[in-house]
C-alpha atoms as a PDB file:
ATOM      1  CA  MET A   1       0.000   0.000   0.000  1.00  0.00           C
ATOM      2  CA  SER A   2       2.813   2.421   0.719  1.00  0.00           C
ATOM      3  CA  GLU A   3       3.615   2.858  -2.975  1.00  0.00           C
ATOM      4  CA  LEU A   4       0.014   3.931  -3.548  1.00  0.00           C
ATOM      5  CA  HIS A   5       0.323   6.690  -0.966  1.00  0.00           C
ATOM      6  CA  ALA A   6       3.456   8.214  -2.497  1.00  0.00           C
ATOM      7  CA  GLY A   7       1.619  10.289  -5.110  1.00  0.00           C
ATOM      8  CA  ALA A   8      -0.992  12.807  -4.026  1.00  0.00           C
ATOM      9  CA  ALA A   9      -3.063  12.071  -7.147  1.00  0.00           C
ATOM     10  CA  ALA A  10      -3.282   8.319  -6.526  1.00  0.00           C
ATOM     11  CA  PRO A  11      -6.928   7.248  -6.127  1.00  0.00           C
ATOM     12  CA  ARG A  12      -8.025   5.659  -2.894  1.00  0.00           C
ATOM     13  CA  SER A  13      -9.088   2.037  -3.155  1.00  0.00           C
ATOM     14  CA  PHE A  14     -11.496   0.811  -0.470  1.00  0.00           C
ATOM     15  CA  LEU A  15     -11.848  -2.918   0.182  1.00  0.00           C
ATOM     16  CA  PHE A  16     -15.043  -3.663   2.095  1.00  0.00           C
ATOM     17  CA  LEU A  17     -14.692  -7.016   3.873  1.00  0.00           C
ATOM     18  CA  ASP A  18     -18.208  -8.138   4.782  1.00  0.00           C
ATOM     19  CA  ALA A  19     -17.979 -10.604   7.656  1.00  0.00           C
ATOM     20  CA  GLY A  20     -21.705 -10.814   8.372  1.00  0.00           C
ATOM     21  CA  ALA A  21     -23.473 -14.141   8.677  1.00  0.00           C
ATOM     22  CA  ARG A  22     -26.316 -12.946   6.461  1.00  0.00           C
ATOM     23  CA  THR A  23     -26.483 -10.978   3.232  1.00  0.00           C
ATOM     24  CA  GLY A  24     -27.869  -7.484   3.665  1.00  0.00           C
ATOM     25  CA  GLY A  25     -27.429  -7.445   7.437  1.00  0.00           C
ATOM     26  CA  ASN A  26     -27.387  -4.277   9.504  1.00  0.00           C
ATOM     27  CA  SER A  27     -23.625  -3.784   9.309  1.00  0.00           C
ATOM     28  CA  GLU A  28     -23.680  -4.141   5.532  1.00  0.00           C
ATOM     29  CA  GLN A  29     -26.618  -1.741   5.172  1.00  0.00           C
ATOM     30  CA  LEU A  30     -24.841   0.857   7.297  1.00  0.00           C
ATOM     31  CA  ALA A  31     -21.562   0.420   5.406  1.00  0.00           C
ATOM     32  CA  ARG A  32     -23.284   0.806   2.031  1.00  0.00           C
ATOM     33  CA  LEU A  33     -24.976   3.997   3.212  1.00  0.00           C
ATOM     34  CA  ALA A  34     -21.647   5.383   4.413  1.00  0.00           C
ATOM     35  CA  ALA A  35     -19.923   4.433   1.153  1.00  0.00           C
ATOM     36  CA  ALA A  36     -22.626   6.048  -0.965  1.00  0.00           C
ATOM     37  CA  ALA A  37     -22.665   9.235   1.104  1.00  0.00           C
ATOM     38  CA  SER A  38     -19.070   9.877   2.068  1.00  0.00           C
ATOM     39  CA  LEU A  39     -16.379   8.068   0.069  1.00  0.00           C
ATOM     40  CA  PRO A  40     -13.888  10.537  -1.413  1.00  0.00           C
ATOM     41  CA  ALA A  41     -14.476  11.567  -5.022  1.00  0.00           C
ATOM     42  CA  GLY A  42     -12.797   9.151  -7.402  1.00  0.00           C
ATOM     43  CA  ALA A  43     -12.316   6.466  -4.765  1.00  0.00           C
ATOM     44  CA  GLU A  44     -12.572   2.899  -5.960  1.00  0.00           C
ATOM     45  CA  GLN A  45     -14.538   0.386  -3.946  1.00  0.00           C
ATOM     46  CA  ARG A  46     -14.596  -3.385  -3.936  1.00  0.00           C
ATOM     47  CA  TRP A  47     -16.906  -5.479  -1.785  1.00  0.00           C
ATOM     48  CA  LEU A  48     -15.994  -9.028  -0.790  1.00  0.00           C
ATOM     49  CA  ARG A  49     -18.228 -11.167   1.338  1.00  0.00           C
ATOM     50  CA  LEU A  50     -15.846 -13.328   3.376  1.00  0.00           C
ATOM     51  CA  ALA A  51     -18.347 -16.220   3.415  1.00  0.00           C
ATOM     52  CA  ASP A  52     -17.889 -16.429  -0.372  1.00  0.00           C
ATOM     53  CA  TYR A  53     -14.118 -16.865   0.077  1.00  0.00           C
ATOM     54  CA  PRO A  54     -13.811 -19.449   2.847  1.00  0.00           C
ATOM     55  CA  LEU A  55     -10.325 -19.921   4.230  1.00  0.00           C
ATOM     56  CA  SER A  56      -8.829 -23.081   5.648  1.00  0.00           C
ATOM     57  CA  PRO A  57      -8.023 -23.090   9.345  1.00  0.00           C
ATOM     58  CA  PHE A  58      -4.833 -21.151  10.003  1.00  0.00           C
ATOM     59  CA  GLU A  59      -1.790 -23.318  10.664  1.00  0.00           C
ATOM     60  CA  ASP A  60       0.892 -21.617  12.751  1.00  0.00           C
ATOM     61  CA  ARG A  61       4.258 -22.681  11.356  1.00  0.00           C
ATOM     62  CA  ARG A  62       6.355 -19.877  12.844  1.00  0.00           C
ATOM     63  CA  HIS A  63       8.290 -22.182  15.164  1.00  0.00           C
ATOM     64  CA  SER A  64       8.457 -25.353  13.093  1.00  0.00           C
ATOM     65  CA  GLY A  65      10.905 -26.074  10.307  1.00  0.00           C
ATOM     66  CA  GLU A  66      11.789 -22.918   8.428  1.00  0.00           C
ATOM     67  CA  GLY A  67       8.656 -21.146   9.628  1.00  0.00           C
ATOM     68  CA  ARG A  68       7.867 -20.133   6.058  1.00  0.00           C
ATOM     69  CA  TYR A  69       4.690 -20.257   4.091  1.00  0.00           C
ATOM     70  CA  GLU A  70       4.105 -21.027   0.432  1.00  0.00           C
ATOM     71  CA  GLN A  71       2.434 -18.662  -1.993  1.00  0.00           C
ATOM     72  CA  PRO A  72      -1.297 -18.731  -1.276  1.00  0.00           C
ATOM     73  CA  THR A  73      -3.719 -20.210  -3.791  1.00  0.00           C
ATOM     74  CA  GLY A  74      -7.484 -20.181  -4.291  1.00  0.00           C
ATOM     75  CA  HIS A  75      -9.570 -18.009  -1.986  1.00  0.00           C
ATOM     76  CA  GLU A  76      -6.560 -17.128   0.131  1.00  0.00           C
ATOM     77  CA  ARG A  77      -4.772 -15.745  -2.952  1.00  0.00           C
ATOM     78  CA  THR A  78      -7.852 -13.732  -3.906  1.00  0.00           C
ATOM     79  CA  LEU A  79      -8.047 -12.184  -0.451  1.00  0.00           C
ATOM     80  CA  LEU A  80      -4.308 -11.487  -0.273  1.00  0.00           C
ATOM     81  CA  ASP A  81      -4.277  -9.797  -3.693  1.00  0.00           C
ATOM     82  CA  ALA A  82      -7.374  -7.733  -2.881  1.00  0.00           C
ATOM     83  CA  THR A  83      -5.881  -6.712   0.460  1.00  0.00           C
ATOM     84  CA  LEU A  84      -2.596  -5.602  -1.090  1.00  0.00           C
ATOM     85  CA  ALA A  85      -4.396  -3.663  -3.824  1.00  0.00           C
ATOM     86  CA  ALA A  86      -6.395  -1.606  -1.313  1.00  0.00           C
ATOM     87  CA  THR A  87      -5.390   1.618   0.379  1.00  0.00           C
ATOM     88  CA  ASP A  88      -8.246   1.254   2.869  1.00  0.00           C
ATOM     89  CA  LEU A  89      -9.632  -1.864   4.541  1.00  0.00           C
ATOM     90  CA  VAL A  90     -13.177  -1.572   5.854  1.00  0.00           C
ATOM     91  CA  PHE A  91     -14.247  -4.379   8.168  1.00  0.00           C
ATOM     92  CA  VAL A  92     -18.018  -4.689   7.835  1.00  0.00           C
ATOM     93  CA  ALA A  93     -18.420  -6.825  10.896  1.00  0.00           C
ATOM     94  CA  PRO A  94     -21.447  -7.235  13.147  1.00  0.00           C
ATOM     95  CA  LEU A  95     -20.654  -7.630  16.809  1.00  0.00           C
ATOM     96  CA  TYR A  96     -20.809 -11.341  17.694  1.00  0.00           C
ATOM     97  CA  TRP A  97     -20.198 -12.190  21.334  1.00  0.00           C
ATOM     98  CA  TYR A  98     -18.287  -8.920  21.857  1.00  0.00           C
ATOM     99  CA  ALA A  99     -15.805  -9.699  19.097  1.00  0.00           C
ATOM    100  CA  LEU A 100     -15.245 -10.001  15.365  1.00  0.00           C
ATOM    101  CA  PRO A 101     -17.189 -12.651  13.458  1.00  0.00           C
ATOM    102  CA  THR A 102     -15.250 -15.855  12.827  1.00  0.00           C
ATOM    103  CA  SER A 103     -14.614 -15.124   9.140  1.00  0.00           C
ATOM    104  CA  ALA A 104     -12.987 -11.760   9.939  1.00  0.00           C
ATOM    105  CA  LYS A 105     -10.838 -13.243  12.706  1.00  0.00           C
ATOM    106  CA  LEU A 106      -9.718 -16.091  10.439  1.00  0.00           C
ATOM    107  CA  TYR A 107      -8.838 -13.562   7.719  1.00  0.00           C
ATOM    108  CA  LEU A 108      -6.677 -11.703  10.254  1.00  0.00           C
ATOM    109  CA  ASP A 109      -5.080 -14.969  11.404  1.00  0.00           C
ATOM    110  CA  HIS A 110      -3.927 -15.518   7.823  1.00  0.00           C
ATOM    111  CA  TRP A 111      -2.055 -12.210   7.999  1.00  0.00           C
ATOM    112  CA  SER A 112       0.450 -14.107  10.184  1.00  0.00           C
ATOM    113  CA  ALA A 113       1.186 -16.346   7.210  1.00  0.00           C
ATOM    114  CA  TRP A 114       1.215 -13.495   4.688  1.00  0.00           C
ATOM    115  CA  LEU A 115       3.881 -11.754   6.766  1.00  0.00           C
ATOM    116  CA  ARG A 116       6.121 -14.746   6.031  1.00  0.00           C
ATOM    117  CA  VAL A 117       5.330 -15.531   2.381  1.00  0.00           C
ATOM    118  CA  PRO A 118       8.574 -14.937   0.458  1.00  0.00           C
ATOM    119  CA  GLY A 119       8.438 -11.925  -1.830  1.00  0.00           C
ATOM    120  CA  THR A 120       5.094 -10.650  -0.561  1.00  0.00           C
ATOM    121  CA  ASP A 121       6.516  -7.878   1.684  1.00  0.00           C
ATOM    122  CA  PHE A 122       3.101  -7.840   3.315  1.00  0.00           C
ATOM    123  CA  ARG A 123       3.859  -5.560   6.252  1.00  0.00           C
ATOM    124  CA  ALA A 124       5.794  -3.008   4.203  1.00  0.00           C
ATOM    125  CA  ARG A 125       3.085  -2.887   1.553  1.00  0.00           C
ATOM    126  CA  MET A 126       0.322  -2.489   4.125  1.00  0.00           C
ATOM    127  CA  ALA A 127       2.070   0.325   5.982  1.00  0.00           C
ATOM    128  CA  GLY A 128       0.471   3.704   5.412  1.00  0.00           C
ATOM    129  CA  GLY A 129      -2.966   2.297   4.645  1.00  0.00           C
ATOM    130  CA  THR A 130      -6.074   2.808   6.751  1.00  0.00           C
ATOM    131  CA  VAL A 131      -8.298   0.409   8.681  1.00  0.00           C
ATOM    132  CA  TRP A 132     -11.985   1.200   9.321  1.00  0.00           C
ATOM    133  CA  ALA A 133     -14.821  -0.643  11.057  1.00  0.00           C
ATOM    134  CA  VAL A 134     -18.562  -0.624  10.493  1.00  0.00           C
ATOM    135  CA  THR A 135     -20.488  -2.687  12.987  1.00  0.00           C
ATOM    136  CA  ALA A 136     -23.987  -3.241  14.265  1.00  0.00           C
ATOM    137  CA  TYR A 137     -24.539  -4.133  17.900  1.00  0.00           C
ATOM    138  CA  ALA A 138     -27.618  -5.253  19.818  1.00  0.00           C
ATOM    139  CA  THR A 139     -27.087  -3.762  23.278  1.00  0.00           C
ATOM    140  CA  GLU A 140     -24.865  -0.814  24.256  1.00  0.00           C
ATOM    141  CA  PRO A 141     -22.214   0.686  21.942  1.00  0.00           C
ATOM    142  CA  ASP A 142     -19.387   0.150  24.457  1.00  0.00           C
ATOM    143  CA  LYS A 143     -19.866  -3.615  24.052  1.00  0.00           C
ATOM    144  CA  ALA A 144     -18.102  -3.183  20.683  1.00  0.00           C
ATOM    145  CA  ASP A 145     -14.891  -2.016  22.397  1.00  0.00           C
ATOM    146  CA  PRO A 146     -13.153  -5.436  22.086  1.00  0.00           C
ATOM    147  CA  LEU A 147     -13.923  -5.606  18.337  1.00  0.00           C
ATOM    148  CA  ILE A 148     -12.665  -2.058  17.798  1.00  0.00           C
ATOM    149  CA  GLY A 149      -9.622  -2.689  19.986  1.00  0.00           C
ATOM    150  CA  THR A 150      -8.646  -5.734  17.919  1.00  0.00           C
ATOM    151  CA  LEU A 151      -8.749  -3.783  14.668  1.00  0.00           C
ATOM    152  CA  ARG A 152      -6.930  -0.757  16.114  1.00  0.00           C
ATOM    153  CA  LEU A 153      -4.126  -2.937  17.461  1.00  0.00           C
ATOM    154  CA  CYS A 154      -3.812  -4.767  14.126  1.00  0.00           C
ATOM    155  CA  ALA A 155      -3.595  -1.410  12.337  1.00  0.00           C
ATOM    156  CA  ASP A 156      -0.928  -0.191  14.773  1.00  0.00           C
ATOM    157  CA  TYR A 157       1.118  -3.360  14.379  1.00  0.00           C
ATOM    158  CA  MET A 158       1.067  -3.060  10.602  1.00  0.00           C
ATOM    159  CA  GLY A 159       1.971   0.639  10.558  1.00  0.00           C
ATOM    160  CA  MET A 160      -1.506   1.533   9.339  1.00  0.00           C
ATOM    161  CA  ARG A 161      -3.749   4.435  10.291  1.00  0.00           C
ATOM    162  CA  TRP A 162      -6.957   3.887  12.266  1.00  0.00           C
ATOM    163  CA  GLY A 163      -9.803   5.553  10.361  1.00  0.00           C
ATOM    164  CA  GLY A 164     -12.479   5.011  12.986  1.00  0.00           C
ATOM    165  CA  ALA A 165     -15.551   2.960  13.751  1.00  0.00           C
ATOM    166  CA  LEU A 166     -19.112   3.556  12.631  1.00  0.00           C
ATOM    167  CA  LEU A 167     -21.543   1.909  15.040  1.00  0.00           C
ATOM    168  CA  GLY A 168     -25.238   1.282  14.575  1.00  0.00           C
ATOM    169  CA  ASN A 169     -27.841  -0.367  16.746  1.00  0.00           C
ATOM    170  CA  GLY A 170     -29.768  -3.220  15.196  1.00  0.00           C
ATOM    171  CA  THR A 171     -30.649  -6.852  15.722  1.00  0.00           C
ATOM    172  CA  ARG A 172     -33.238  -7.794  13.116  1.00  0.00           C
ATOM    173  CA  PRO A 173     -32.422  -6.991   9.465  1.00  0.00           C
ATOM    174  CA  GLY A 174     -33.158  -3.334   8.759  1.00  0.00           C
ATOM    175  CA  ASP A 175     -33.186  -2.240  12.413  1.00  0.00           C
ATOM    176  CA  VAL A 176     -30.107  -0.069  11.888  1.00  0.00           C
ATOM    177  CA  LEU A 177     -32.097   2.144   9.523  1.00  0.00           C
ATOM    178  CA  GLY A 178     -33.978   3.342  12.602  1.00  0.00           C
ATOM    179  CA  ASP A 179     -30.793   4.439  14.388  1.00  0.00           C
ATOM    180  CA  GLU A 180     -30.867   8.145  13.537  1.00  0.00           C
ATOM    181  CA  GLN A 181     -27.454   8.899  15.066  1.00  0.00           C
ATOM    182  CA  ALA A 182     -25.788   6.134  13.044  1.00  0.00           C
ATOM    183  CA  LEU A 183     -27.395   7.404   9.842  1.00  0.00           C
ATOM    184  CA  ILE A 184     -26.150  10.938  10.537  1.00  0.00           C
ATOM    185  CA  GLU A 185     -22.615   9.673  11.219  1.00  0.00           C
ATOM    186  CA  ALA A 186     -22.685   7.513   8.076  1.00  0.00           C
ATOM    187  CA  LYS A 187     -23.112  10.632   5.922  1.00  0.00           C
ATOM    188  CA  SER A 188     -19.621  11.855   6.837  1.00  0.00           C
ATOM    189  CA  PHE A 189     -17.875   8.697   8.055  1.00  0.00           C
ATOM    190  CA  PHE A 190     -15.287   8.498   5.277  1.00  0.00           C
ATOM    191  CA  ALA A 191     -14.919  12.294   4.942  1.00  0.00           C
ATOM    192  CA  ASP A 192     -11.460  12.266   6.573  1.00  0.00           C
ATOM    193  CA  ALA A 193     -10.198   9.677   4.077  1.00  0.00           C
ATOM    194  CA  CYS A 194      -8.800  12.360   1.771  1.00  0.00           C
END
């Protein structure tokens, strides 16, 4: 990502990683509203539903043999390439048991492998990018603190900027559209992405 940030005229490329367990869930609805209302002019956007790109369980090889990983293939390759092509990663992740959904956590677990794939330069290429979160919760907004904390710490570790979290209240599909504060915040959520 760092090469993309070198030129002021380089377009922003937003990768929306939908980790919801259902299509069109509250987090996705809120993220799509925010994207339509506040993405910077000329920004590219790509939406990937993580359920459509299932990953194998992560195998930690850091302390066995050479501790290296082969070039990814299949869905893992698709996700790696999409991640490296983005300047901004938006985790569209409903709050499940005070944390990220399984598909988002597994995606992050695979970052440990991508850091060690020869020739990928994953950490260096991610540095300078931005991580965002859009999440729906069912109780109080502070219950999303662990989810937000995970993403902030991952951003820090990778030398990435934290863009912020957009939170909306909703349990049943469409409930978030009744959260007036979330809808107001969605209108300017990505405004600082310039």
